[in-house]
Amino acid sequence: MPKRRVIDPQMIDKLAQNMFHALPLLKKRLLHMDLVQSEHGIPLSHVQVLAMLQDAGTMSVSEISRRLGIAKPNITPLVDRLLESGLVDRQRDQHDRRVVNIVILPAGSEKLAAIRQTIAGQVQRQVENLSVSEFKELYDALASITRILSEL
C-alpha cells in the first residue's frame, strides 16, 4: 500500500485561501462569462459541454456528468437544450447499441469557435499591460493548474 504524503496543514489553508482569491479574479479579469452569455446566448455549462465534446469527439451523458461534476439528472436537460438548439446530437454507440453518445454538430463547433474568439479578445485586452514574462508566467500557471486538476 502506497504511503500517503503528509502535507503541511498551513499549506492546505493557503491553497484554499488562494483558490478563494483566484476564482473571482479569473472571472472578473479574464473570463467575463456574463458578457459571453449575453453576446452568444449560451450559459457557461453549455460552453463547457461543447468544448469537451469538441476535444473528445463523442461522450456519453454519464461521462459528461462525471467530468463536470454535475449529477446525471441535471446533465440530461442541459444536453436536451443543446439538442434543441441544433448544437449537438445523440448517436448510438457502434459497439454497444445500449449506449447513447453525444456528438457536437457543425453548428456547435461554429458557436464554440465564436465564443472562443470572444474570450480570446477579452483576454487580449486584459493582458495588454503585462510584460512578456508576466504573460508567460500566467500562461504556465494556468496550464499547470489545468494539468494537475485534470489528474485528480
N, C-alpha and C. Protein backbone atom coordinates (compact mmCIF):
# COMPACT_ATOMS: atom_id res chain seq x y z
N MET A 1 0.85 -1.18 0.00
CA MET A 1 0.00 0.00 0.00
C MET A 1 0.89 1.24 0.00
N PRO A 2 0.64 2.18 -0.94
CA PRO A 2 1.50 3.37 -1.00
C PRO A 2 1.28 4.27 0.21
N LYS A 3 2.39 4.87 0.63
CA LYS A 3 2.32 5.81 1.75
C LYS A 3 1.66 7.09 1.30
N ARG A 4 0.84 7.62 2.18
CA ARG A 4 0.24 8.94 1.91
C ARG A 4 1.22 9.99 2.36
N ARG A 5 1.38 11.00 1.52
CA ARG A 5 2.23 12.12 1.88
C ARG A 5 1.54 12.99 2.90
N VAL A 6 2.30 13.50 3.81
CA VAL A 6 1.75 14.43 4.78
C VAL A 6 2.04 15.84 4.27
N ILE A 7 0.99 16.58 4.05
CA ILE A 7 1.13 17.95 3.56
C ILE A 7 0.85 18.88 4.73
N ASP A 8 1.69 19.86 4.84
CA ASP A 8 1.59 20.85 5.91
C ASP A 8 0.18 21.47 5.90
N PRO A 9 -0.55 21.38 7.02
CA PRO A 9 -1.90 21.96 7.08
C PRO A 9 -1.93 23.45 6.75
N GLN A 10 -0.85 24.17 7.06
CA GLN A 10 -0.80 25.59 6.72
C GLN A 10 -0.78 25.79 5.20
N MET A 11 -0.10 24.87 4.49
CA MET A 11 -0.08 24.96 3.03
C MET A 11 -1.47 24.68 2.46
N ILE A 12 -2.18 23.73 3.07
CA ILE A 12 -3.55 23.43 2.65
C ILE A 12 -4.42 24.67 2.84
N ASP A 13 -4.29 25.32 4.00
CA ASP A 13 -5.06 26.54 4.28
C ASP A 13 -4.72 27.64 3.27
N LYS A 14 -3.44 27.79 2.95
CA LYS A 14 -3.01 28.81 1.99
C LYS A 14 -3.57 28.49 0.59
N LEU A 15 -3.55 27.22 0.22
CA LEU A 15 -4.10 26.81 -1.08
C LEU A 15 -5.58 27.15 -1.14
N ALA A 16 -6.32 26.82 -0.10
CA ALA A 16 -7.75 27.14 -0.06
C ALA A 16 -7.96 28.65 -0.15
N GLN A 17 -7.16 29.40 0.57
CA GLN A 17 -7.26 30.86 0.56
C GLN A 17 -6.96 31.39 -0.85
N ASN A 18 -5.93 30.86 -1.49
CA ASN A 18 -5.59 31.29 -2.84
C ASN A 18 -6.71 30.98 -3.83
N MET A 19 -7.38 29.83 -3.65
CA MET A 19 -8.49 29.49 -4.53
C MET A 19 -9.61 30.51 -4.37
N PHE A 20 -9.91 30.90 -3.13
CA PHE A 20 -10.96 31.89 -2.90
C PHE A 20 -10.62 33.23 -3.54
N HIS A 21 -9.34 33.55 -3.60
CA HIS A 21 -8.91 34.81 -4.22
C HIS A 21 -8.83 34.69 -5.73
N ALA A 22 -8.36 33.54 -6.24
CA ALA A 22 -8.11 33.39 -7.67
C ALA A 22 -9.39 33.26 -8.49
N LEU A 23 -10.35 32.49 -8.01
CA LEU A 23 -11.55 32.25 -8.82
C LEU A 23 -12.30 33.54 -9.18
N PRO A 24 -12.58 34.41 -8.22
CA PRO A 24 -13.25 35.66 -8.61
C PRO A 24 -12.40 36.53 -9.53
N LEU A 25 -11.08 36.51 -9.32
CA LEU A 25 -10.20 37.31 -10.18
C LEU A 25 -10.20 36.78 -11.61
N LEU A 26 -10.21 35.47 -11.77
CA LEU A 26 -10.27 34.90 -13.12
C LEU A 26 -11.56 35.34 -13.81
N LYS A 27 -12.66 35.27 -13.08
CA LYS A 27 -13.94 35.66 -13.66
C LYS A 27 -14.01 37.16 -13.94
N LYS A 28 -13.45 37.95 -13.03
CA LYS A 28 -13.53 39.41 -13.15
C LYS A 28 -12.55 39.97 -14.17
N ARG A 29 -11.34 39.41 -14.20
CA ARG A 29 -10.29 40.00 -15.03
C ARG A 29 -10.10 39.33 -16.38
N LEU A 30 -10.32 38.01 -16.46
CA LEU A 30 -10.03 37.33 -17.72
C LEU A 30 -11.27 36.78 -18.42
N LEU A 31 -12.17 36.23 -17.66
CA LEU A 31 -13.28 35.48 -18.25
C LEU A 31 -14.61 36.11 -17.86
N HIS A 32 -15.08 37.01 -18.68
CA HIS A 32 -16.35 37.70 -18.41
C HIS A 32 -17.48 36.89 -19.04
N MET A 33 -17.86 35.80 -18.35
CA MET A 33 -18.86 34.90 -18.92
C MET A 33 -20.23 35.56 -19.02
N ASP A 34 -20.51 36.55 -18.18
CA ASP A 34 -21.79 37.26 -18.30
C ASP A 34 -21.87 37.95 -19.66
N LEU A 35 -20.76 38.53 -20.11
CA LEU A 35 -20.73 39.17 -21.43
C LEU A 35 -20.81 38.12 -22.54
N VAL A 36 -20.12 37.01 -22.35
CA VAL A 36 -20.15 35.92 -23.34
C VAL A 36 -21.58 35.39 -23.45
N GLN A 37 -22.21 35.19 -22.30
CA GLN A 37 -23.57 34.66 -22.30
C GLN A 37 -24.54 35.62 -22.99
N SER A 38 -24.41 36.91 -22.71
CA SER A 38 -25.34 37.86 -23.35
C SER A 38 -25.04 38.00 -24.85
N GLU A 39 -23.78 37.94 -25.24
CA GLU A 39 -23.43 38.08 -26.66
C GLU A 39 -23.82 36.85 -27.47
N HIS A 40 -23.62 35.67 -26.88
CA HIS A 40 -23.83 34.43 -27.63
C HIS A 40 -25.08 33.67 -27.21
N GLY A 41 -25.72 34.11 -26.12
CA GLY A 41 -26.97 33.48 -25.69
C GLY A 41 -26.80 32.05 -25.22
N ILE A 42 -25.70 31.78 -24.50
CA ILE A 42 -25.43 30.42 -24.06
C ILE A 42 -24.73 30.45 -22.71
N PRO A 43 -25.21 29.66 -21.75
CA PRO A 43 -24.57 29.66 -20.42
C PRO A 43 -23.23 28.90 -20.42
N LEU A 44 -22.43 29.18 -19.40
CA LEU A 44 -21.10 28.57 -19.27
C LEU A 44 -21.17 27.05 -19.30
N SER A 45 -22.15 26.45 -18.63
CA SER A 45 -22.24 24.98 -18.60
C SER A 45 -22.39 24.41 -20.01
N HIS A 46 -23.12 25.10 -20.88
CA HIS A 46 -23.30 24.64 -22.25
C HIS A 46 -21.99 24.78 -23.03
N VAL A 47 -21.28 25.87 -22.79
CA VAL A 47 -19.99 26.10 -23.44
C VAL A 47 -19.01 25.00 -23.02
N GLN A 48 -19.01 24.66 -21.74
CA GLN A 48 -18.11 23.61 -21.24
C GLN A 48 -18.41 22.28 -21.92
N VAL A 49 -19.68 21.94 -22.08
CA VAL A 49 -20.04 20.68 -22.73
C VAL A 49 -19.59 20.70 -24.19
N LEU A 50 -19.84 21.80 -24.89
CA LEU A 50 -19.40 21.89 -26.28
C LEU A 50 -17.88 21.73 -26.40
N ALA A 51 -17.14 22.37 -25.50
CA ALA A 51 -15.68 22.28 -25.53
C ALA A 51 -15.21 20.85 -25.27
N MET A 52 -15.83 20.19 -24.29
CA MET A 52 -15.46 18.80 -24.01
C MET A 52 -15.75 17.90 -25.20
N LEU A 53 -16.91 18.10 -25.83
CA LEU A 53 -17.26 17.28 -26.98
C LEU A 53 -16.32 17.52 -28.14
N GLN A 54 -15.93 18.77 -28.35
CA GLN A 54 -15.01 19.05 -29.44
C GLN A 54 -13.66 18.38 -29.18
N ASP A 55 -13.22 18.39 -27.93
CA ASP A 55 -11.93 17.76 -27.59
C ASP A 55 -12.02 16.23 -27.68
N ALA A 56 -13.12 15.66 -27.17
CA ALA A 56 -13.25 14.20 -27.08
C ALA A 56 -13.85 13.57 -28.33
N GLY A 57 -14.60 14.34 -29.09
CA GLY A 57 -15.27 13.79 -30.27
C GLY A 57 -16.67 13.31 -29.95
N THR A 58 -16.78 12.45 -28.96
CA THR A 58 -18.07 11.91 -28.54
C THR A 58 -17.98 11.52 -27.08
N MET A 59 -19.07 11.69 -26.36
CA MET A 59 -19.10 11.34 -24.93
C MET A 59 -20.52 10.90 -24.57
N SER A 60 -20.60 10.01 -23.61
CA SER A 60 -21.90 9.65 -23.07
C SER A 60 -22.34 10.72 -22.07
N VAL A 61 -23.62 10.75 -21.76
CA VAL A 61 -24.12 11.69 -20.77
C VAL A 61 -23.45 11.41 -19.42
N SER A 62 -23.22 10.14 -19.12
CA SER A 62 -22.55 9.79 -17.85
C SER A 62 -21.14 10.36 -17.79
N GLU A 63 -20.42 10.30 -18.91
CA GLU A 63 -19.05 10.83 -18.95
C GLU A 63 -19.07 12.36 -18.82
N ILE A 64 -20.00 13.01 -19.48
CA ILE A 64 -20.13 14.48 -19.35
C ILE A 64 -20.41 14.82 -17.89
N SER A 65 -21.32 14.09 -17.29
CA SER A 65 -21.69 14.29 -15.89
C SER A 65 -20.48 14.15 -14.98
N ARG A 66 -19.72 13.07 -15.20
CA ARG A 66 -18.54 12.81 -14.36
C ARG A 66 -17.50 13.91 -14.51
N ARG A 67 -17.22 14.32 -15.74
CA ARG A 67 -16.18 15.34 -15.97
C ARG A 67 -16.56 16.70 -15.42
N LEU A 68 -17.84 17.05 -15.51
CA LEU A 68 -18.27 18.36 -14.99
C LEU A 68 -18.55 18.33 -13.49
N GLY A 69 -18.69 17.12 -12.95
CA GLY A 69 -19.02 17.02 -11.53
C GLY A 69 -20.45 17.44 -11.25
N ILE A 70 -21.32 17.22 -12.21
CA ILE A 70 -22.73 17.56 -12.08
C ILE A 70 -23.52 16.26 -12.20
N ALA A 71 -24.53 16.09 -11.35
CA ALA A 71 -25.33 14.87 -11.35
C ALA A 71 -25.96 14.62 -12.72
N LYS A 72 -25.99 13.34 -13.10
CA LYS A 72 -26.52 12.96 -14.42
C LYS A 72 -27.94 13.49 -14.66
N PRO A 73 -28.84 13.46 -13.66
CA PRO A 73 -30.18 14.01 -13.92
C PRO A 73 -30.16 15.50 -14.28
N ASN A 74 -29.12 16.21 -13.87
CA ASN A 74 -29.01 17.63 -14.21
C ASN A 74 -28.35 17.85 -15.58
N ILE A 75 -27.60 16.88 -16.05
CA ILE A 75 -26.94 16.99 -17.35
C ILE A 75 -27.92 16.71 -18.48
N THR A 76 -28.83 15.80 -18.27
CA THR A 76 -29.78 15.42 -19.33
C THR A 76 -30.56 16.62 -19.86
N PRO A 77 -31.15 17.49 -19.01
CA PRO A 77 -31.85 18.65 -19.56
C PRO A 77 -30.91 19.63 -20.28
N LEU A 78 -29.67 19.73 -19.79
CA LEU A 78 -28.68 20.59 -20.43
C LEU A 78 -28.41 20.08 -21.85
N VAL A 79 -28.20 18.77 -21.97
CA VAL A 79 -27.96 18.17 -23.29
C VAL A 79 -29.20 18.33 -24.17
N ASP A 80 -30.38 18.19 -23.56
CA ASP A 80 -31.62 18.38 -24.33
C ASP A 80 -31.69 19.79 -24.91
N ARG A 81 -31.29 20.80 -24.14
CA ARG A 81 -31.31 22.18 -24.64
C ARG A 81 -30.30 22.35 -25.79
N LEU A 82 -29.14 21.72 -25.66
CA LEU A 82 -28.16 21.78 -26.75
C LEU A 82 -28.69 21.08 -28.00
N LEU A 83 -29.42 19.99 -27.80
CA LEU A 83 -30.05 19.28 -28.93
C LEU A 83 -31.08 20.18 -29.61
N GLU A 84 -31.94 20.81 -28.80
CA GLU A 84 -32.99 21.68 -29.34
C GLU A 84 -32.39 22.86 -30.11
N SER A 85 -31.20 23.29 -29.67
CA SER A 85 -30.53 24.40 -30.34
C SER A 85 -29.78 23.97 -31.60
N GLY A 86 -29.74 22.66 -31.85
CA GLY A 86 -29.06 22.15 -33.03
C GLY A 86 -27.55 22.17 -32.93
N LEU A 87 -27.04 22.17 -31.68
CA LEU A 87 -25.59 22.24 -31.47
C LEU A 87 -24.95 20.87 -31.27
N VAL A 88 -25.74 19.90 -30.79
CA VAL A 88 -25.25 18.54 -30.57
C VAL A 88 -26.31 17.56 -31.06
N ASP A 89 -25.91 16.29 -31.12
CA ASP A 89 -26.85 15.24 -31.50
C ASP A 89 -26.54 14.00 -30.67
N ARG A 90 -27.52 13.11 -30.59
CA ARG A 90 -27.34 11.82 -29.93
C ARG A 90 -27.07 10.77 -31.01
N GLN A 91 -26.11 9.88 -30.70
CA GLN A 91 -25.81 8.78 -31.61
C GLN A 91 -25.61 7.51 -30.81
N ARG A 92 -26.13 6.43 -31.31
CA ARG A 92 -25.93 5.12 -30.67
C ARG A 92 -24.48 4.69 -30.86
N ASP A 93 -23.91 4.10 -29.83
CA ASP A 93 -22.55 3.57 -29.89
C ASP A 93 -22.52 2.41 -30.88
N GLN A 94 -21.52 2.37 -31.75
CA GLN A 94 -21.44 1.32 -32.77
C GLN A 94 -21.15 -0.05 -32.17
N HIS A 95 -20.49 -0.07 -31.01
CA HIS A 95 -20.10 -1.34 -30.40
C HIS A 95 -21.12 -1.83 -29.37
N ASP A 96 -21.88 -0.91 -28.79
CA ASP A 96 -22.88 -1.27 -27.79
C ASP A 96 -24.10 -0.39 -28.01
N ARG A 97 -25.11 -0.94 -28.66
CA ARG A 97 -26.29 -0.17 -29.05
C ARG A 97 -27.07 0.38 -27.86
N ARG A 98 -26.79 -0.13 -26.65
CA ARG A 98 -27.46 0.39 -25.45
C ARG A 98 -26.91 1.76 -25.06
N VAL A 99 -25.69 2.06 -25.48
CA VAL A 99 -25.03 3.31 -25.10
C VAL A 99 -25.36 4.40 -26.12
N VAL A 100 -25.77 5.55 -25.60
CA VAL A 100 -26.05 6.70 -26.45
C VAL A 100 -24.98 7.75 -26.18
N ASN A 101 -24.32 8.18 -27.23
CA ASN A 101 -23.27 9.19 -27.12
C ASN A 101 -23.77 10.53 -27.64
N ILE A 102 -23.17 11.57 -27.13
CA ILE A 102 -23.46 12.92 -27.58
C ILE A 102 -22.30 13.39 -28.44
N VAL A 103 -22.60 13.96 -29.59
CA VAL A 103 -21.58 14.47 -30.51
C VAL A 103 -21.89 15.92 -30.83
N ILE A 104 -20.84 16.68 -31.04
CA ILE A 104 -21.02 18.09 -31.42
C ILE A 104 -21.28 18.15 -32.92
N LEU A 105 -22.23 19.00 -33.30
CA LEU A 105 -22.57 19.20 -34.70
C LEU A 105 -21.79 20.40 -35.24
N PRO A 106 -21.73 20.55 -36.58
CA PRO A 106 -21.02 21.71 -37.13
C PRO A 106 -21.50 23.05 -36.55
N ALA A 107 -22.79 23.19 -36.30
CA ALA A 107 -23.30 24.44 -35.71
C ALA A 107 -22.74 24.64 -34.31
N GLY A 108 -22.57 23.54 -33.56
CA GLY A 108 -21.97 23.62 -32.22
C GLY A 108 -20.51 24.02 -32.29
N SER A 109 -19.79 23.48 -33.27
CA SER A 109 -18.38 23.84 -33.45
C SER A 109 -18.25 25.31 -33.84
N GLU A 110 -19.14 25.78 -34.69
CA GLU A 110 -19.11 27.19 -35.10
C GLU A 110 -19.41 28.11 -33.92
N LYS A 111 -20.41 27.74 -33.12
CA LYS A 111 -20.77 28.53 -31.93
C LYS A 111 -19.60 28.58 -30.97
N LEU A 112 -18.97 27.43 -30.75
CA LEU A 112 -17.83 27.36 -29.84
C LEU A 112 -16.66 28.19 -30.35
N ALA A 113 -16.41 28.15 -31.65
CA ALA A 113 -15.32 28.96 -32.23
C ALA A 113 -15.60 30.45 -32.01
N ALA A 114 -16.84 30.88 -32.19
CA ALA A 114 -17.18 32.28 -31.98
C ALA A 114 -17.01 32.67 -30.52
N ILE A 115 -17.40 31.78 -29.62
CA ILE A 115 -17.26 32.04 -28.19
C ILE A 115 -15.78 32.12 -27.81
N ARG A 116 -14.98 31.20 -28.34
CA ARG A 116 -13.54 31.23 -28.05
C ARG A 116 -12.90 32.51 -28.58
N GLN A 117 -13.38 32.99 -29.71
CA GLN A 117 -12.86 34.24 -30.27
C GLN A 117 -13.21 35.41 -29.36
N THR A 118 -14.43 35.42 -28.85
CA THR A 118 -14.85 36.47 -27.91
C THR A 118 -13.99 36.43 -26.66
N ILE A 119 -13.78 35.23 -26.11
CA ILE A 119 -12.98 35.09 -24.88
C ILE A 119 -11.54 35.49 -25.15
N ALA A 120 -11.00 35.09 -26.30
CA ALA A 120 -9.63 35.47 -26.63
C ALA A 120 -9.49 36.98 -26.71
N GLY A 121 -10.49 37.65 -27.26
CA GLY A 121 -10.48 39.11 -27.32
C GLY A 121 -10.49 39.73 -25.93
N GLN A 122 -11.29 39.15 -25.04
CA GLN A 122 -11.33 39.62 -23.65
C GLN A 122 -9.96 39.47 -22.99
N VAL A 123 -9.38 38.30 -23.17
CA VAL A 123 -8.07 38.03 -22.57
C VAL A 123 -7.03 38.98 -23.15
N GLN A 124 -7.06 39.16 -24.46
CA GLN A 124 -6.11 40.06 -25.13
C GLN A 124 -6.15 41.46 -24.51
N ARG A 125 -7.36 41.98 -24.32
CA ARG A 125 -7.49 43.32 -23.73
C ARG A 125 -6.98 43.36 -22.29
N GLN A 126 -7.17 42.28 -21.56
CA GLN A 126 -6.76 42.26 -20.15
C GLN A 126 -5.26 42.10 -19.97
N VAL A 127 -4.61 41.40 -20.87
CA VAL A 127 -3.18 41.11 -20.68
C VAL A 127 -2.26 42.08 -21.42
N GLU A 128 -2.83 43.06 -22.11
CA GLU A 128 -2.01 44.00 -22.86
C GLU A 128 -0.99 44.73 -22.00
N ASN A 129 -1.31 44.93 -20.74
CA ASN A 129 -0.39 45.66 -19.86
C ASN A 129 0.61 44.77 -19.14
N LEU A 130 0.55 43.46 -19.40
CA LEU A 130 1.52 42.55 -18.79
C LEU A 130 2.80 42.53 -19.63
N SER A 131 3.90 42.33 -18.94
CA SER A 131 5.15 42.12 -19.68
C SER A 131 5.10 40.71 -20.29
N VAL A 132 6.00 40.44 -21.19
CA VAL A 132 6.07 39.11 -21.81
C VAL A 132 6.32 38.05 -20.74
N SER A 133 7.18 38.34 -19.79
CA SER A 133 7.48 37.35 -18.75
C SER A 133 6.28 37.14 -17.82
N GLU A 134 5.53 38.21 -17.53
CA GLU A 134 4.32 38.06 -16.70
C GLU A 134 3.26 37.23 -17.44
N PHE A 135 3.12 37.50 -18.73
CA PHE A 135 2.16 36.74 -19.52
C PHE A 135 2.54 35.27 -19.54
N LYS A 136 3.82 34.98 -19.76
CA LYS A 136 4.28 33.58 -19.78
C LYS A 136 4.05 32.92 -18.43
N GLU A 137 4.31 33.65 -17.35
CA GLU A 137 4.09 33.12 -16.01
C GLU A 137 2.61 32.78 -15.81
N LEU A 138 1.71 33.66 -16.24
CA LEU A 138 0.27 33.41 -16.13
C LEU A 138 -0.11 32.20 -16.98
N TYR A 139 0.38 32.17 -18.20
CA TYR A 139 0.10 31.06 -19.12
C TYR A 139 0.55 29.72 -18.51
N ASP A 140 1.78 29.69 -18.01
CA ASP A 140 2.33 28.46 -17.43
C ASP A 140 1.56 28.05 -16.18
N ALA A 141 1.19 29.04 -15.36
CA ALA A 141 0.47 28.73 -14.12
C ALA A 141 -0.89 28.11 -14.43
N LEU A 142 -1.62 28.69 -15.38
CA LEU A 142 -2.93 28.14 -15.73
C LEU A 142 -2.80 26.77 -16.38
N ALA A 143 -1.77 26.58 -17.19
CA ALA A 143 -1.54 25.26 -17.78
C ALA A 143 -1.25 24.23 -16.70
N SER A 144 -0.45 24.60 -15.71
CA SER A 144 -0.14 23.69 -14.61
C SER A 144 -1.39 23.37 -13.79
N ILE A 145 -2.17 24.38 -13.49
CA ILE A 145 -3.40 24.17 -12.72
C ILE A 145 -4.33 23.22 -13.47
N THR A 146 -4.50 23.43 -14.75
CA THR A 146 -5.37 22.57 -15.55
C THR A 146 -4.85 21.14 -15.57
N ARG A 147 -3.57 20.98 -15.79
CA ARG A 147 -2.98 19.63 -15.84
C ARG A 147 -3.14 18.92 -14.50
N ILE A 148 -2.80 19.58 -13.42
CA ILE A 148 -2.84 18.94 -12.10
C ILE A 148 -4.27 18.59 -11.71
N LEU A 149 -5.19 19.52 -11.92
CA LEU A 149 -6.58 19.27 -11.54
C LEU A 149 -7.20 18.18 -12.41
N SER A 150 -6.77 18.06 -13.66
CA SER A 150 -7.28 17.01 -14.54
C SER A 150 -6.84 15.64 -14.08
N GLU A 151 -5.73 15.58 -13.36
CA GLU A 151 -5.19 14.30 -12.89
C GLU A 151 -5.78 13.86 -11.56
N LEU A 152 -6.49 14.76 -10.87
CA LEU A 152 -7.08 14.41 -9.57
C LEU A 152 -8.24 13.45 -9.72
